[in-house]
Amino acid sequence: MKHLEHNQEFRLNEILFENRNKAYGAYVLRTESDRILTKAFFIGVGLLAAVSIIPVVISAFNSAEVTDTSFTPDPPVMINVDKPNDPPAEVLPPQTVTPPPPSVRQYDSQVVTPTRNADESKIVKDIPKDAIAGVKNDFVAPPAPRINVPTSVISGPGTVVPPKVVPTVDPGPDNSVKDANELSVTAKFEGGIDAFRNKVMNRFDVSAFEDEGSVNTTVTFIVEKDGTISDIKTNGKDASFNAEAIRTIKAVKGKWIPGKNKKGESVRSYFKFPISMKFDN
C-alpha cells in the first residue's frame, strides 16, 4: 500500500514537473523528502541520547578520581611529669581560752564532753551582759590592783624627762607700723594729695615767718587702720615753723584711707609730707 502511494506520488511529481527542469530544488525536495525526514529523525535521536549520556560519563570519571580522605590521628604522646609531693598539712595547736584579767566578769565557756551522767549543775543560764567568755564562773570581778607608772624614765646616768608641751599663743592683730617698702598700697587722703595740700596751705599762718626769707620742714605721721592720724613729728630747724606745721596738720578736717600690706590687709603706716615756703622781702 505504501509502495503504491509512493508510486502515485512519484507519478504526480513526474506529471507536475513534465517538460520542466527536474534539477530544480522543489522537485528534489519532493522526491527525497522521506529520506531526509528519516535521516533527520535518527540524527535527532542520536543527539538526545548523547546529551543524556554525557552527565553519566562525567559522574563516572569524577567517582573514579575520588580517593580515601579519612584521617586517622596519631596516638597521643604520654608525658610523665613528676608531681611534687604536697607539703604536709600544718597542724594547729589546740585552741585554749585565755582567762581575762581579774577585774572583768567572766563565765565558764568551756564545752564539757557529753556523757550519759553529765553534771549540769555548773551550767549558768543567766549570764550578765558585761561578762565575757572565760574558764570559770566569776560574776564578782574584784578590782584590779593599781599600777604606778612613772612619768620619767630612768636610763643610764641621767633622767629622761617627757617633752614640755608649749601651748600656741595667738599673736593677735598686727599693730606694727609699716614702711613704704612693706606696702602694696600706700595710704592716701580722701580726695587726693592735692586736696590735702590745699587745705594745709589755707590754714597755715605765715605772718610770723615773712621776714625769714625761706623756711621748710618735713611732717611725719602715722595713718591708723581707721583712717585717723597720730604721732605727728617734724624735722625742721625752725621750732616755730615746726609747731605751726603740727597745728595745721591737726586742724585739717578729713579722713585718710589706710595703706595695705602684701596680703591686702589694712595696716598702720608712715606718711611724710614736706612743707616749704619762700618769702620775697
C-alpha atoms as a PDB file:
ATOM      1  CA  MET A   1       0.000   0.000   0.000  1.00  0.00           C
ATOM      2  CA  LYS A   2       2.785   2.318   0.969  1.00  0.00           C
ATOM      3  CA  HIS A   3       4.643   1.388  -2.154  1.00  0.00           C
ATOM      4  CA  LEU A   4       1.559   2.194  -4.147  1.00  0.00           C
ATOM      5  CA  GLU A   5       1.202   5.577  -2.544  1.00  0.00           C
ATOM      6  CA  HIS A   6       4.846   6.220  -3.238  1.00  0.00           C
ATOM      7  CA  ASN A   7       4.421   5.294  -6.858  1.00  0.00           C
ATOM      8  CA  GLN A   8       1.387   7.547  -7.120  1.00  0.00           C
ATOM      9  CA  GLU A   9       3.318  10.453  -5.597  1.00  0.00           C
ATOM     10  CA  PHE A  10       6.180   9.738  -7.949  1.00  0.00           C
ATOM     11  CA  ARG A  11       3.816   9.785 -10.919  1.00  0.00           C
ATOM     12  CA  LEU A  12       2.288  13.025  -9.677  1.00  0.00           C
ATOM     13  CA  ASN A  13       5.698  14.620  -9.430  1.00  0.00           C
ATOM     14  CA  GLU A  14       6.531  13.447 -12.931  1.00  0.00           C
ATOM     15  CA  ILE A  15       3.336  14.966 -14.222  1.00  0.00           C
ATOM     16  CA  LEU A  16       3.883  18.272 -12.378  1.00  0.00           C
ATOM     17  CA  PHE A  17       7.467  18.629 -13.497  1.00  0.00           C
ATOM     18  CA  GLU A  18       6.956  17.286 -17.070  1.00  0.00           C
ATOM     19  CA  ASN A  19       8.743  19.436 -19.600  1.00  0.00           C
ATOM     20  CA  ARG A  20      10.423  21.318 -16.704  1.00  0.00           C
ATOM     21  CA  ASN A  21      13.874  21.353 -15.314  1.00  0.00           C
ATOM     22  CA  LYS A  22      13.917  18.496 -12.786  1.00  0.00           C
ATOM     23  CA  ALA A  23      17.108  19.740 -11.312  1.00  0.00           C
ATOM     24  CA  TYR A  24      15.027  22.440  -9.685  1.00  0.00           C
ATOM     25  CA  GLY A  25      15.097  22.311  -5.921  1.00  0.00           C
ATOM     26  CA  ALA A  26      11.399  21.702  -5.414  1.00  0.00           C
ATOM     27  CA  TYR A  27      11.485  18.507  -7.420  1.00  0.00           C
ATOM     28  CA  VAL A  28      14.427  17.212  -5.395  1.00  0.00           C
ATOM     29  CA  LEU A  29      12.748  18.058  -2.123  1.00  0.00           C
ATOM     30  CA  ARG A  30       9.517  16.322  -3.084  1.00  0.00           C
ATOM     31  CA  THR A  31      11.234  13.165  -4.283  1.00  0.00           C
ATOM     32  CA  GLU A  32      13.699  12.849  -1.359  1.00  0.00           C
ATOM     33  CA  SER A  33      11.519  14.144   1.493  1.00  0.00           C
ATOM     34  CA  ASP A  34      11.129  10.706   3.110  1.00  0.00           C
ATOM     35  CA  ARG A  35      14.828  10.027   3.126  1.00  0.00           C
ATOM     36  CA  ILE A  36      15.570  13.478   4.556  1.00  0.00           C
ATOM     37  CA  LEU A  37      12.960  13.060   7.315  1.00  0.00           C
ATOM     38  CA  THR A  38      14.305   9.631   8.257  1.00  0.00           C
ATOM     39  CA  LYS A  39      17.860  10.965   8.369  1.00  0.00           C
ATOM     40  CA  ALA A  40      16.821  13.952  10.492  1.00  0.00           C
ATOM     41  CA  PHE A  41      14.920  11.667  12.876  1.00  0.00           C
ATOM     42  CA  PHE A  42      17.934   9.474  13.527  1.00  0.00           C
ATOM     43  CA  ILE A  43      20.227  12.459  13.917  1.00  0.00           C
ATOM     44  CA  GLY A  44      17.848  13.996  16.494  1.00  0.00           C
ATOM     45  CA  VAL A  45      17.591  10.737  18.433  1.00  0.00           C
ATOM     46  CA  GLY A  46      21.398  10.432  18.418  1.00  0.00           C
ATOM     47  CA  LEU A  47      21.855  13.978  19.763  1.00  0.00           C
ATOM     48  CA  LEU A  48      19.286  13.410  22.508  1.00  0.00           C
ATOM     49  CA  ALA A  49      20.977  10.165  23.544  1.00  0.00           C
ATOM     50  CA  ALA A  50      24.378  11.879  23.567  1.00  0.00           C
ATOM     51  CA  VAL A  51      23.066  14.694  25.754  1.00  0.00           C
ATOM     52  CA  SER A  52      21.591  12.156  28.192  1.00  0.00           C
ATOM     53  CA  ILE A  53      24.749  10.048  28.407  1.00  0.00           C
ATOM     54  CA  ILE A  54      27.226  12.921  28.935  1.00  0.00           C
ATOM     55  CA  PRO A  55      26.316  13.560  32.659  1.00  0.00           C
ATOM     56  CA  VAL A  56      26.585   9.835  33.393  1.00  0.00           C
ATOM     57  CA  VAL A  57      30.022   9.675  31.831  1.00  0.00           C
ATOM     58  CA  ILE A  58      31.202  12.767  33.729  1.00  0.00           C
ATOM     59  CA  SER A  59      29.986  11.403  37.073  1.00  0.00           C
ATOM     60  CA  ALA A  60      31.721   8.095  36.361  1.00  0.00           C
ATOM     61  CA  PHE A  61      35.034   9.878  35.791  1.00  0.00           C
ATOM     62  CA  ASN A  62      34.629  12.003  38.969  1.00  0.00           C
ATOM     63  CA  SER A  63      33.846   8.972  41.120  1.00  0.00           C
ATOM     64  CA  ALA A  64      36.963   7.253  39.801  1.00  0.00           C
ATOM     65  CA  GLU A  65      39.133  10.215  40.882  1.00  0.00           C
ATOM     66  CA  VAL A  66      37.809  10.297  44.485  1.00  0.00           C
ATOM     67  CA  THR A  67      40.318   8.908  46.937  1.00  0.00           C
ATOM     68  CA  ASP A  68      40.017   7.902  50.529  1.00  0.00           C
ATOM     69  CA  THR A  69      40.265  11.068  52.607  1.00  0.00           C
ATOM     70  CA  SER A  70      39.668   9.512  56.006  1.00  0.00           C
ATOM     71  CA  PHE A  71      42.171  10.784  58.589  1.00  0.00           C
ATOM     72  CA  THR A  72      43.405   8.711  61.463  1.00  0.00           C
ATOM     73  CA  PRO A  73      45.098  10.813  64.151  1.00  0.00           C
ATOM     74  CA  ASP A  74      48.342   9.659  65.669  1.00  0.00           C
ATOM     75  CA  PRO A  75      48.099   8.134  69.083  1.00  0.00           C
ATOM     76  CA  PRO A  76      48.652  10.694  71.884  1.00  0.00           C
ATOM     77  CA  VAL A  77      52.109  11.026  73.367  1.00  0.00           C
ATOM     78  CA  MET A  78      52.106  10.395  77.089  1.00  0.00           C
ATOM     79  CA  ILE A  79      54.490  12.667  79.052  1.00  0.00           C
ATOM     80  CA  ASN A  80      55.138  11.729  82.629  1.00  0.00           C
ATOM     81  CA  VAL A  81      55.627  14.769  84.851  1.00  0.00           C
ATOM     82  CA  ASP A  82      56.840  14.157  88.356  1.00  0.00           C
ATOM     83  CA  LYS A  83      54.366  15.953  90.580  1.00  0.00           C
ATOM     84  CA  PRO A  84      55.999  17.324  93.704  1.00  0.00           C
ATOM     85  CA  ASN A  85      54.801  15.896  96.906  1.00  0.00           C
ATOM     86  CA  ASP A  86      52.286  18.116  98.639  1.00  0.00           C
ATOM     87  CA  PRO A  87      53.650  19.558 101.852  1.00  0.00           C
ATOM     88  CA  PRO A  88      52.140  18.078 104.945  1.00  0.00           C
ATOM     89  CA  ALA A  89      49.182  19.925 106.324  1.00  0.00           C
ATOM     90  CA  GLU A  90      50.025  22.340 109.094  1.00  0.00           C
ATOM     91  CA  VAL A  91      48.958  21.023 112.430  1.00  0.00           C
ATOM     92  CA  LEU A  92      47.448  23.816 114.518  1.00  0.00           C
ATOM     93  CA  PRO A  93      47.755  23.612 118.262  1.00  0.00           C
ATOM     94  CA  PRO A  94      44.517  23.200 120.183  1.00  0.00           C
ATOM     95  CA  GLN A  95      42.819  26.484 120.874  1.00  0.00           C
ATOM     96  CA  THR A  96      42.608  27.425 124.500  1.00  0.00           C
ATOM     97  CA  VAL A  97      40.532  30.064 126.195  1.00  0.00           C
ATOM     98  CA  THR A  98      42.706  32.848 127.577  1.00  0.00           C
ATOM     99  CA  PRO A  99      41.470  33.845 131.023  1.00  0.00           C
ATOM    100  CA  PRO A 100      40.512  37.529 131.223  1.00  0.00           C
ATOM    101  CA  PRO A 101      42.039  39.880 133.776  1.00  0.00           C
ATOM    102  CA  PRO A 102      40.687  39.574 137.334  1.00  0.00           C
ATOM    103  CA  SER A 103      38.812  42.876 137.124  1.00  0.00           C
ATOM    104  CA  VAL A 104      36.431  41.619 134.389  1.00  0.00           C
ATOM    105  CA  ARG A 105      33.375  39.454 134.927  1.00  0.00           C
ATOM    106  CA  GLN A 106      33.503  36.115 133.196  1.00  0.00           C
ATOM    107  CA  TYR A 107      31.563  32.946 132.679  1.00  0.00           C
ATOM    108  CA  ASP A 108      32.709  29.393 132.005  1.00  0.00           C
ATOM    109  CA  SER A 109      32.594  28.937 128.222  1.00  0.00           C
ATOM    110  CA  GLN A 110      34.360  25.554 128.102  1.00  0.00           C
ATOM    111  CA  VAL A 111      32.383  22.800 126.382  1.00  0.00           C
ATOM    112  CA  VAL A 112      32.265  19.635 128.520  1.00  0.00           C
ATOM    113  CA  THR A 113      32.453  16.275 126.780  1.00  0.00           C
ATOM    114  CA  PRO A 114      28.898  14.909 126.739  1.00  0.00           C
ATOM    115  CA  THR A 115      28.404  11.780 128.841  1.00  0.00           C
ATOM    116  CA  ARG A 116      25.478   9.737 129.985  1.00  0.00           C
ATOM    117  CA  ASN A 117      25.518  11.189 133.508  1.00  0.00           C
ATOM    118  CA  ALA A 118      26.628  14.747 132.725  1.00  0.00           C
ATOM    119  CA  ASP A 119      26.786  17.233 135.600  1.00  0.00           C
ATOM    120  CA  GLU A 120      24.605  20.187 134.607  1.00  0.00           C
ATOM    121  CA  SER A 121      24.897  21.991 137.930  1.00  0.00           C
ATOM    122  CA  LYS A 122      27.672  24.270 136.655  1.00  0.00           C
ATOM    123  CA  ILE A 123      25.731  25.406 133.609  1.00  0.00           C
ATOM    124  CA  VAL A 124      24.804  29.086 134.030  1.00  0.00           C
ATOM    125  CA  LYS A 125      21.726  30.310 132.175  1.00  0.00           C
ATOM    126  CA  ASP A 126      21.535  33.903 133.434  1.00  0.00           C
ATOM    127  CA  ILE A 127      24.787  35.427 132.198  1.00  0.00           C
ATOM    128  CA  PRO A 128      25.339  39.145 132.928  1.00  0.00           C
ATOM    129  CA  LYS A 129      25.593  41.355 129.867  1.00  0.00           C
ATOM    130  CA  ASP A 130      29.051  42.650 130.837  1.00  0.00           C
ATOM    131  CA  ALA A 131      30.536  39.138 131.344  1.00  0.00           C
ATOM    132  CA  ILE A 132      32.904  37.691 128.782  1.00  0.00           C
ATOM    133  CA  ALA A 133      33.922  34.113 127.927  1.00  0.00           C
ATOM    134  CA  GLY A 134      36.382  32.605 130.377  1.00  0.00           C
ATOM    135  CA  VAL A 135      37.402  29.404 132.160  1.00  0.00           C
ATOM    136  CA  LYS A 136      35.249  29.786 135.254  1.00  0.00           C
ATOM    137  CA  ASN A 137      32.094  31.421 136.516  1.00  0.00           C
ATOM    138  CA  ASP A 138      33.151  34.663 138.216  1.00  0.00           C
ATOM    139  CA  PHE A 139      30.489  37.352 138.436  1.00  0.00           C
ATOM    140  CA  VAL A 140      32.156  39.297 141.289  1.00  0.00           C
ATOM    141  CA  ALA A 141      35.252  40.576 139.443  1.00  0.00           C
ATOM    142  CA  PRO A 142      37.342  42.203 142.220  1.00  0.00           C
ATOM    143  CA  PRO A 143      39.025  45.464 141.194  1.00  0.00           C
ATOM    144  CA  ALA A 144      42.437  45.108 139.611  1.00  0.00           C
ATOM    145  CA  PRO A 145      45.421  46.488 141.561  1.00  0.00           C
ATOM    146  CA  ARG A 146      46.584  49.927 140.503  1.00  0.00           C
ATOM    147  CA  ILE A 147      49.955  50.086 138.820  1.00  0.00           C
ATOM    148  CA  ASN A 148      52.014  53.212 139.323  1.00  0.00           C
ATOM    149  CA  VAL A 149      53.644  54.149 136.028  1.00  0.00           C
ATOM    150  CA  PRO A 150      56.454  56.706 136.482  1.00  0.00           C
ATOM    151  CA  THR A 151      56.251  59.790 134.288  1.00  0.00           C
ATOM    152  CA  SER A 152      60.022  59.886 133.805  1.00  0.00           C
ATOM    153  CA  VAL A 153      62.159  57.027 132.537  1.00  0.00           C
ATOM    154  CA  ILE A 154      65.487  56.341 134.214  1.00  0.00           C
ATOM    155  CA  SER A 155      68.070  55.291 131.657  1.00  0.00           C
ATOM    156  CA  GLY A 156      71.741  55.220 132.452  1.00  0.00           C
ATOM    157  CA  PRO A 157      73.217  58.041 134.478  1.00  0.00           C
ATOM    158  CA  GLY A 158      70.555  60.643 133.606  1.00  0.00           C
ATOM    159  CA  THR A 159      66.767  61.015 133.680  1.00  0.00           C
ATOM    160  CA  VAL A 160      64.711  61.394 130.501  1.00  0.00           C
ATOM    161  CA  VAL A 161      62.009  63.968 131.088  1.00  0.00           C
ATOM    162  CA  PRO A 162      58.972  63.991 128.785  1.00  0.00           C
ATOM    163  CA  PRO A 163      58.988  66.982 126.421  1.00  0.00           C
ATOM    164  CA  LYS A 164      57.109  70.015 127.612  1.00  0.00           C
ATOM    165  CA  VAL A 165      54.155  70.974 125.501  1.00  0.00           C
ATOM    166  CA  VAL A 166      54.055  74.719 124.941  1.00  0.00           C
ATOM    167  CA  PRO A 167      50.566  75.965 124.063  1.00  0.00           C
ATOM    168  CA  THR A 168      50.275  78.033 120.917  1.00  0.00           C
ATOM    169  CA  VAL A 169      49.618  81.694 121.685  1.00  0.00           C
ATOM    170  CA  ASP A 170      47.601  83.786 119.279  1.00  0.00           C
ATOM    171  CA  PRO A 171      49.827  86.738 118.335  1.00  0.00           C
ATOM    172  CA  GLY A 172      46.768  88.949 117.940  1.00  0.00           C
ATOM    173  CA  PRO A 173      46.386  91.734 115.396  1.00  0.00           C
ATOM    174  CA  ASP A 174      49.456  93.237 113.748  1.00  0.00           C
ATOM    175  CA  ASN A 175      49.812  96.765 115.144  1.00  0.00           C
ATOM    176  CA  SER A 176      53.317  97.451 113.884  1.00  0.00           C
ATOM    177  CA  VAL A 177      53.890 100.482 111.670  1.00  0.00           C
ATOM    178  CA  LYS A 178      54.883  99.583 108.107  1.00  0.00           C
ATOM    179  CA  ASP A 179      57.282 101.445 105.824  1.00  0.00           C
ATOM    180  CA  ALA A 180      56.574 102.149 102.171  1.00  0.00           C
ATOM    181  CA  ASN A 181      58.572  99.093 101.010  1.00  0.00           C
ATOM    182  CA  GLU A 182      56.309  96.805 103.073  1.00  0.00           C
ATOM    183  CA  LEU A 183      53.106  98.098 101.494  1.00  0.00           C
ATOM    184  CA  SER A 184      51.289  97.098  98.359  1.00  0.00           C
ATOM    185  CA  VAL A 185      49.077 100.224  98.539  1.00  0.00           C
ATOM    186  CA  THR A 186      50.226 103.419 100.325  1.00  0.00           C
ATOM    187  CA  ALA A 187      47.920 105.487 102.496  1.00  0.00           C
ATOM    188  CA  LYS A 188      46.182 108.460 100.858  1.00  0.00           C
ATOM    189  CA  PHE A 189      43.921 111.352 101.786  1.00  0.00           C
ATOM    190  CA  GLU A 190      40.283 111.205 100.732  1.00  0.00           C
ATOM    191  CA  GLY A 191      40.095 113.454  97.696  1.00  0.00           C
ATOM    192  CA  GLY A 192      43.782 113.072  96.855  1.00  0.00           C
ATOM    193  CA  ILE A 193      47.076 114.581  97.998  1.00  0.00           C
ATOM    194  CA  ASP A 194      46.406 117.901  96.187  1.00  0.00           C
ATOM    195  CA  ALA A 195      43.240 118.425  98.206  1.00  0.00           C
ATOM    196  CA  PHE A 196      45.215 117.791 101.414  1.00  0.00           C
ATOM    197  CA  ARG A 197      47.984 120.199 100.328  1.00  0.00           C
ATOM    198  CA  ASN A 198      45.457 122.973  99.588  1.00  0.00           C
ATOM    199  CA  LYS A 199      43.837 122.564 102.986  1.00  0.00           C
ATOM    200  CA  VAL A 200      47.236 122.805 104.715  1.00  0.00           C
ATOM    201  CA  MET A 201      48.212 125.972 102.806  1.00  0.00           C
ATOM    202  CA  ASN A 202      44.852 127.626 103.528  1.00  0.00           C
ATOM    203  CA  ARG A 203      45.165 127.014 107.289  1.00  0.00           C
ATOM    204  CA  PHE A 204      48.883 127.763 107.666  1.00  0.00           C
ATOM    205  CA  ASP A 205      49.647 131.092 109.454  1.00  0.00           C
ATOM    206  CA  VAL A 206      52.593 132.611 107.588  1.00  0.00           C
ATOM    207  CA  SER A 207      52.537 136.061 109.252  1.00  0.00           C
ATOM    208  CA  ALA A 208      55.306 135.182 111.719  1.00  0.00           C
ATOM    209  CA  PHE A 209      57.727 133.939 109.046  1.00  0.00           C
ATOM    210  CA  GLU A 210      57.595 136.582 106.301  1.00  0.00           C
ATOM    211  CA  ASP A 211      60.858 138.213 107.462  1.00  0.00           C
ATOM    212  CA  GLU A 212      62.855 134.952 107.415  1.00  0.00           C
ATOM    213  CA  GLY A 213      63.092 134.533 103.658  1.00  0.00           C
ATOM    214  CA  SER A 214      62.546 130.760 103.325  1.00  0.00           C
ATOM    215  CA  VAL A 215      61.677 128.018 105.803  1.00  0.00           C
ATOM    216  CA  ASN A 216      60.938 124.285 105.376  1.00  0.00           C
ATOM    217  CA  THR A 217      60.215 121.143 107.339  1.00  0.00           C
ATOM    218  CA  THR A 218      59.003 117.566 106.775  1.00  0.00           C
ATOM    219  CA  VAL A 219      55.978 116.390 108.719  1.00  0.00           C
ATOM    220  CA  THR A 220      55.841 112.663 109.519  1.00  0.00           C
ATOM    221  CA  PHE A 221      52.743 110.996 110.975  1.00  0.00           C
ATOM    222  CA  ILE A 222      51.104 107.559 111.241  1.00  0.00           C
ATOM    223  CA  VAL A 223      47.931 106.737 109.330  1.00  0.00           C
ATOM    224  CA  GLU A 224      45.931 104.372 111.527  1.00  0.00           C
ATOM    225  CA  LYS A 225      43.747 101.484 110.320  1.00  0.00           C
ATOM    226  CA  ASP A 226      40.578 103.516 110.994  1.00  0.00           C
ATOM    227  CA  GLY A 227      41.744 106.439 108.796  1.00  0.00           C
ATOM    228  CA  THR A 228      42.860 108.787 111.597  1.00  0.00           C
ATOM    229  CA  ILE A 229      46.411 110.139 112.031  1.00  0.00           C
ATOM    230  CA  SER A 230      48.650 110.090 115.102  1.00  0.00           C
ATOM    231  CA  ASP A 231      52.225 110.683 116.308  1.00  0.00           C
ATOM    232  CA  ILE A 232      52.828 113.850 114.249  1.00  0.00           C
ATOM    233  CA  LYS A 233      56.512 114.853 114.118  1.00  0.00           C
ATOM    234  CA  THR A 234      58.657 117.382 112.254  1.00  0.00           C
ATOM    235  CA  ASN A 235      62.379 117.660 111.472  1.00  0.00           C
ATOM    236  CA  GLY A 236      62.746 121.367 110.508  1.00  0.00           C
ATOM    237  CA  LYS A 237      65.353 123.735 112.023  1.00  0.00           C
ATOM    238  CA  ASP A 238      62.822 126.448 112.935  1.00  0.00           C
ATOM    239  CA  ALA A 239      60.897 125.344 116.048  1.00  0.00           C
ATOM    240  CA  SER A 240      58.136 127.912 115.465  1.00  0.00           C
ATOM    241  CA  PHE A 241      57.660 126.759 111.910  1.00  0.00           C
ATOM    242  CA  ASN A 242      57.564 123.117 113.109  1.00  0.00           C
ATOM    243  CA  ALA A 243      54.942 123.948 115.727  1.00  0.00           C
ATOM    244  CA  GLU A 244      52.776 125.775 113.168  1.00  0.00           C
ATOM    245  CA  ALA A 245      53.080 122.804 110.789  1.00  0.00           C
ATOM    246  CA  ILE A 246      51.884 120.388 113.502  1.00  0.00           C
ATOM    247  CA  ARG A 247      48.981 122.666 114.412  1.00  0.00           C
ATOM    248  CA  THR A 248      47.930 122.994 110.776  1.00  0.00           C
ATOM    249  CA  ILE A 249      48.056 119.225 110.119  1.00  0.00           C
ATOM    250  CA  LYS A 250      45.857 118.612 113.179  1.00  0.00           C
ATOM    251  CA  ALA A 251      43.404 121.314 112.031  1.00  0.00           C
ATOM    252  CA  VAL A 252      42.822 119.758 108.605  1.00  0.00           C
ATOM    253  CA  LYS A 253      39.476 118.010 108.518  1.00  0.00           C
ATOM    254  CA  GLY A 254      39.079 114.794 106.570  1.00  0.00           C
ATOM    255  CA  LYS A 255      39.817 111.118 106.718  1.00  0.00           C
ATOM    256  CA  TRP A 256      42.654 109.037 105.354  1.00  0.00           C
ATOM    257  CA  ILE A 257      42.464 105.684 103.537  1.00  0.00           C
ATOM    258  CA  PRO A 258      44.913 103.348 105.337  1.00  0.00           C
ATOM    259  CA  GLY A 259      47.675 101.544 103.486  1.00  0.00           C
ATOM    260  CA  LYS A 260      47.578  97.789 102.763  1.00  0.00           C
ATOM    261  CA  ASN A 261      50.218  95.100 103.119  1.00  0.00           C
ATOM    262  CA  LYS A 262      51.110  92.364 100.621  1.00  0.00           C
ATOM    263  CA  LYS A 263      48.088  90.326 101.757  1.00  0.00           C
ATOM    264  CA  GLY A 264      45.683  93.183 101.073  1.00  0.00           C
ATOM    265  CA  GLU A 265      45.051  93.856 104.786  1.00  0.00           C
ATOM    266  CA  SER A 266      44.746  97.387 106.190  1.00  0.00           C
ATOM    267  CA  VAL A 267      47.772  98.241 108.368  1.00  0.00           C
ATOM    268  CA  ARG A 268      49.333 101.212 110.177  1.00  0.00           C
ATOM    269  CA  SER A 269      51.830 103.049 108.003  1.00  0.00           C
ATOM    270  CA  TYR A 270      54.078 106.131 107.969  1.00  0.00           C
ATOM    271  CA  PHE A 271      53.317 109.128 105.768  1.00  0.00           C
ATOM    272  CA  LYS A 272      55.715 112.001 105.035  1.00  0.00           C
ATOM    273  CA  PHE A 273      54.527 115.445 103.941  1.00  0.00           C
ATOM    274  CA  PRO A 274      57.179 118.136 103.168  1.00  0.00           C
ATOM    275  CA  ILE A 275      56.284 121.852 103.674  1.00  0.00           C
ATOM    276  CA  SER A 276      58.443 124.587 102.172  1.00  0.00           C
ATOM    277  CA  MET A 277      57.806 128.382 102.000  1.00  0.00           C
ATOM    278  CA  LYS A 278      59.841 131.204 100.450  1.00  0.00           C
ATOM    279  CA  PHE A 279      59.112 134.902 101.084  1.00  0.00           C
ATOM    280  CA  ASP A 280      60.336 137.770  98.908  1.00  0.00           C
ATOM    281  CA  ASN A 281      61.463 140.727 101.061  1.00  0.00           C
END
